[in-house]
Amino acid sequence: MPRRVCVVGSGPAGMYAASALLSASADVRVDVVERLCTPFGLIRFGVAPDHPEMKVMADKFDVVAGDERVRLIGNVEVGRDVSVAQLQRCYDGLIFAFGADGDRALGLEGERELDGVHAARDFVGWYNGLPSHRGLDFKLDEAEAVVVVGNGNVATDVARILLMPTAMLARTDIAAHALEALERSTVKRVTIVGRRGPAQAAWTGKELRE
């Protein structure tokens, strides 16, 4: 009788886990459970739209998902639609690979309450078309200057998307609602604030040059 394994989360970690299971044994069946209606997580909703080369691994994940031993089950949230205990009764093993689902608080006064203060994760999800973020309004047509706190690749992605000519963005797979809002944007200047110096910055050379 084949062993049954449930992988919770269909992002890169979950799909690589499923691939490893398939490679390790021909006698395995894998169900990949995803909260959203579409798979591949960060590859679809976390990569900047002008970086299509970062999304090529989706082709590998398509192969994994197309294996007859794999089932991809969307629109199912563990903890809401099904419990961990129920999954344990149905499977020989569980792998949780759903990643971070919250924002890291800095502990600064007003970071949760003040108007115009947003998490980069929300902005990235918004311009990538994450269904739950479609209705967010960043009021880009009411500001000329934006400050990004943090100096990693996500910070440079946010700065670049805010300032990139929309004619260039229109040639990417950016969400239509985000492109429309950026076309109305009055943002002219972005300041990136890092806790430490350039030697400790987490961005890559390629990201910084862009």
Protein backbone atom coordinates (compact mmCIF):
# COMPACT_ATOMS: atom_id res chain seq x y z
CA MET A 1 0.00 0.00 0.00
CA PRO A 2 1.54 3.39 -0.96
CA ARG A 3 2.47 5.82 1.76
CA ARG A 4 0.46 9.04 1.76
CA VAL A 5 2.04 12.38 2.64
CA CYS A 6 0.37 15.78 2.91
CA VAL A 7 2.39 18.91 2.14
CA VAL A 8 0.77 22.07 3.49
CA GLY A 9 1.71 24.98 1.23
CA SER A 10 2.45 25.01 -2.50
CA GLY A 11 5.18 27.65 -2.52
CA PRO A 12 8.80 26.86 -3.38
CA ALA A 13 9.43 25.01 -0.10
CA GLY A 14 6.30 22.88 -0.48
CA MET A 15 6.90 22.02 -4.13
CA TYR A 16 10.56 21.16 -3.54
CA ALA A 17 9.45 18.95 -0.65
CA ALA A 18 6.96 17.20 -2.93
CA SER A 19 9.67 16.76 -5.59
CA ALA A 20 12.03 15.23 -3.03
CA LEU A 21 9.36 12.78 -1.90
CA LEU A 22 8.69 11.69 -5.47
CA SER A 23 12.40 11.19 -6.11
CA ALA A 24 12.93 9.24 -2.90
CA SER A 25 10.22 6.65 -3.51
CA ALA A 26 8.06 5.44 -6.36
CA ASP A 27 5.62 4.14 -3.77
CA VAL A 28 4.36 7.48 -2.41
CA ARG A 29 1.29 9.63 -2.94
CA VAL A 30 1.49 13.36 -2.19
CA ASP A 31 -1.36 15.78 -1.61
CA VAL A 32 -0.31 19.45 -1.68
CA VAL A 33 -2.82 21.58 0.21
CA GLU A 34 -2.91 25.29 -0.65
CA ARG A 35 -4.92 28.05 1.01
CA LEU A 36 -5.20 30.09 -2.19
CA CYS A 37 -6.96 29.16 -5.41
CA THR A 38 -3.67 29.16 -7.34
CA PRO A 39 -0.35 27.50 -6.45
CA PHE A 40 3.35 28.35 -6.11
CA GLY A 41 3.17 31.07 -3.45
CA LEU A 42 6.13 33.44 -3.51
CA ILE A 43 6.98 32.57 -7.10
CA ARG A 44 3.61 33.99 -8.14
CA PHE A 45 3.01 36.66 -5.50
CA GLY A 46 6.43 37.58 -4.12
CA VAL A 47 8.69 38.12 -7.14
CA ALA A 48 8.81 41.58 -8.70
CA PRO A 49 6.93 41.63 -12.03
CA ASP A 50 9.97 42.94 -13.92
CA HIS A 51 12.02 39.92 -12.85
CA PRO A 52 10.53 37.11 -14.95
CA GLU A 53 13.79 35.16 -14.79
CA MET A 54 13.07 34.54 -11.12
CA LYS A 55 9.85 32.76 -12.03
CA VAL A 56 11.31 30.10 -14.31
CA MET A 57 11.26 27.55 -11.49
CA ALA A 58 7.47 27.53 -11.89
CA ASP A 59 8.06 25.30 -14.92
CA LYS A 60 9.70 22.72 -12.64
CA PHE A 61 6.79 22.98 -10.23
CA ASP A 62 4.35 22.38 -13.10
CA VAL A 63 6.12 19.09 -13.76
CA VAL A 64 5.84 18.10 -10.08
CA ALA A 65 2.16 19.06 -9.93
CA GLY A 66 1.51 17.11 -13.14
CA ASP A 67 2.90 13.86 -11.73
CA GLU A 68 0.14 11.26 -11.39
CA ARG A 69 1.19 10.65 -7.80
CA VAL A 70 0.48 14.27 -6.83
CA ARG A 71 -2.81 16.01 -6.11
CA LEU A 72 -2.97 19.79 -5.73
CA ILE A 73 -5.85 20.84 -3.48
CA GLY A 74 -6.60 24.58 -3.46
CA ASN A 75 -8.87 26.83 -1.42
CA VAL A 76 -8.27 24.76 1.70
CA GLU A 77 -6.82 26.39 4.81
CA VAL A 78 -5.47 24.17 7.56
CA GLY A 79 -6.91 25.31 10.85
CA ARG A 80 -10.06 26.69 9.21
CA ASP A 81 -11.33 24.06 6.77
CA VAL A 82 -9.49 21.06 8.19
CA SER A 83 -7.62 20.47 11.42
CA VAL A 84 -4.12 19.08 11.93
CA ALA A 85 -5.66 16.18 13.84
CA GLN A 86 -7.86 15.31 10.87
CA LEU A 87 -4.86 15.36 8.54
CA GLN A 88 -2.92 13.11 10.88
CA ARG A 89 -5.67 10.53 10.67
CA CYS A 90 -5.61 10.57 6.86
CA TYR A 91 -1.86 10.63 6.12
CA ASP A 92 1.29 8.79 7.09
CA GLY A 93 3.20 12.06 7.28
CA LEU A 94 2.69 15.82 7.25
CA ILE A 95 5.06 18.53 6.01
CA PHE A 96 4.27 22.14 6.87
CA ALA A 97 5.76 24.48 4.29
CA PHE A 98 3.50 27.52 4.31
CA GLY A 99 6.09 30.15 5.28
CA ALA A 100 5.58 33.40 7.14
CA ASP A 101 2.04 34.72 7.26
CA GLY A 102 2.53 37.91 9.23
CA ASP A 103 4.54 41.10 9.38
CA ARG A 104 7.52 41.66 11.62
CA ALA A 105 6.79 44.52 14.01
CA LEU A 106 9.53 47.06 14.73
CA GLY A 107 7.98 48.13 18.01
CA LEU A 108 7.70 51.76 16.93
CA GLU A 109 4.87 53.98 18.10
CA GLY A 110 2.22 54.34 15.42
CA GLU A 111 3.50 51.67 13.05
CA ARG A 112 0.14 49.90 13.17
CA GLU A 113 -2.16 52.90 13.53
CA LEU A 114 -0.84 55.84 11.53
CA ASP A 115 -2.27 56.49 8.09
CA GLY A 116 0.23 55.94 5.29
CA VAL A 117 2.32 53.32 7.10
CA HIS A 118 2.30 49.94 5.33
CA ALA A 119 4.10 46.62 5.40
CA ALA A 120 6.22 45.90 2.33
CA ARG A 121 4.64 42.43 2.23
CA ASP A 122 1.26 44.07 1.64
CA PHE A 123 2.60 46.32 -1.13
CA VAL A 124 4.30 43.40 -2.88
CA GLY A 125 1.17 41.26 -2.64
CA TRP A 126 -0.87 44.17 -4.01
CA TYR A 127 1.20 44.77 -7.14
CA ASN A 128 1.48 41.03 -7.77
CA GLY A 129 -2.29 40.48 -7.70
CA LEU A 130 -2.67 38.56 -4.43
CA PRO A 131 -6.48 38.23 -4.20
CA SER A 132 -6.70 39.29 -0.55
CA HIS A 133 -4.68 42.46 -1.28
CA ARG A 134 -6.44 43.70 -4.41
CA GLY A 135 -8.56 46.23 -2.53
CA LEU A 136 -5.69 47.93 -0.69
CA ASP A 137 -5.24 51.65 -1.30
CA PHE A 138 -1.76 53.08 -0.81
CA LYS A 139 -2.85 56.60 -1.88
CA LEU A 140 0.06 56.95 -4.27
CA ASP A 141 -1.64 59.95 -5.85
CA GLU A 142 -1.40 61.88 -2.58
CA ALA A 143 2.33 61.65 -1.89
CA GLU A 144 5.56 62.85 -3.47
CA ALA A 145 8.03 61.20 -1.09
CA VAL A 146 8.13 57.66 0.31
CA VAL A 147 10.44 56.19 2.95
CA VAL A 148 11.24 52.47 2.86
CA VAL A 149 12.60 51.06 6.12
CA GLY A 150 15.02 48.21 5.42
CA ASN A 151 17.79 47.70 2.90
CA GLY A 152 17.26 44.24 1.47
CA ASN A 153 16.06 43.08 -1.93
CA VAL A 154 12.41 43.66 -1.08
CA ALA A 155 13.20 47.29 -0.21
CA THR A 156 14.84 47.82 -3.58
CA ASP A 157 11.93 46.07 -5.32
CA VAL A 158 9.48 48.46 -3.65
CA ALA A 159 11.58 51.51 -4.54
CA ARG A 160 12.03 50.38 -8.13
CA ILE A 161 8.33 49.65 -8.70
CA LEU A 162 7.37 53.02 -7.23
CA LEU A 163 9.68 54.94 -9.57
CA MET A 164 9.80 52.81 -12.72
CA PRO A 165 8.10 54.35 -15.78
CA THR A 166 4.70 52.72 -16.13
CA ALA A 167 5.34 52.16 -19.84
CA MET A 168 8.03 49.70 -18.79
CA LEU A 169 5.83 48.14 -16.10
CA ALA A 170 3.06 47.63 -18.65
CA ARG A 171 5.31 45.12 -20.44
CA THR A 172 5.46 42.96 -17.29
CA ASP A 173 2.83 40.79 -15.60
CA ILE A 174 2.09 43.40 -12.91
CA ALA A 175 -1.54 43.35 -11.72
CA ALA A 176 -3.77 45.65 -13.78
CA HIS A 177 -5.17 47.47 -10.73
CA ALA A 178 -1.64 48.21 -9.51
CA LEU A 179 -0.55 49.52 -12.90
CA GLU A 180 -3.55 51.85 -12.99
CA ALA A 181 -2.74 53.19 -9.52
CA LEU A 182 0.94 53.65 -10.40
CA GLU A 183 -0.05 55.58 -13.53
CA ARG A 184 -1.79 58.07 -11.23
CA SER A 185 1.08 58.10 -8.73
CA THR A 186 2.69 61.42 -7.78
CA VAL A 187 5.65 59.79 -5.99
CA LYS A 188 8.91 61.41 -7.12
CA ARG A 189 11.40 60.44 -4.44
CA VAL A 190 12.06 57.27 -2.42
CA THR A 191 14.45 57.16 0.53
CA ILE A 192 15.70 53.78 1.73
CA VAL A 193 16.62 53.76 5.42
CA GLY A 194 18.88 50.99 6.70
CA ARG A 195 19.75 50.16 10.27
CA ARG A 196 23.37 49.55 9.34
CA GLY A 197 25.78 50.56 6.60
CA PRO A 198 26.21 49.43 2.97
CA ALA A 199 28.61 46.65 3.94
CA GLN A 200 25.81 44.96 5.91
CA ALA A 201 23.02 45.67 3.41
CA ALA A 202 21.07 42.55 2.44
CA TRP A 203 20.42 43.51 -1.18
CA THR A 204 22.34 41.93 -4.04
CA GLY A 205 24.51 43.90 -6.47
CA LYS A 206 22.05 43.30 -9.29
CA GLU A 207 19.14 44.64 -7.28
CA LEU A 208 21.10 47.73 -6.24
CA ARG A 209 22.18 48.51 -9.80
CA GLU A 210 18.58 48.34 -10.98
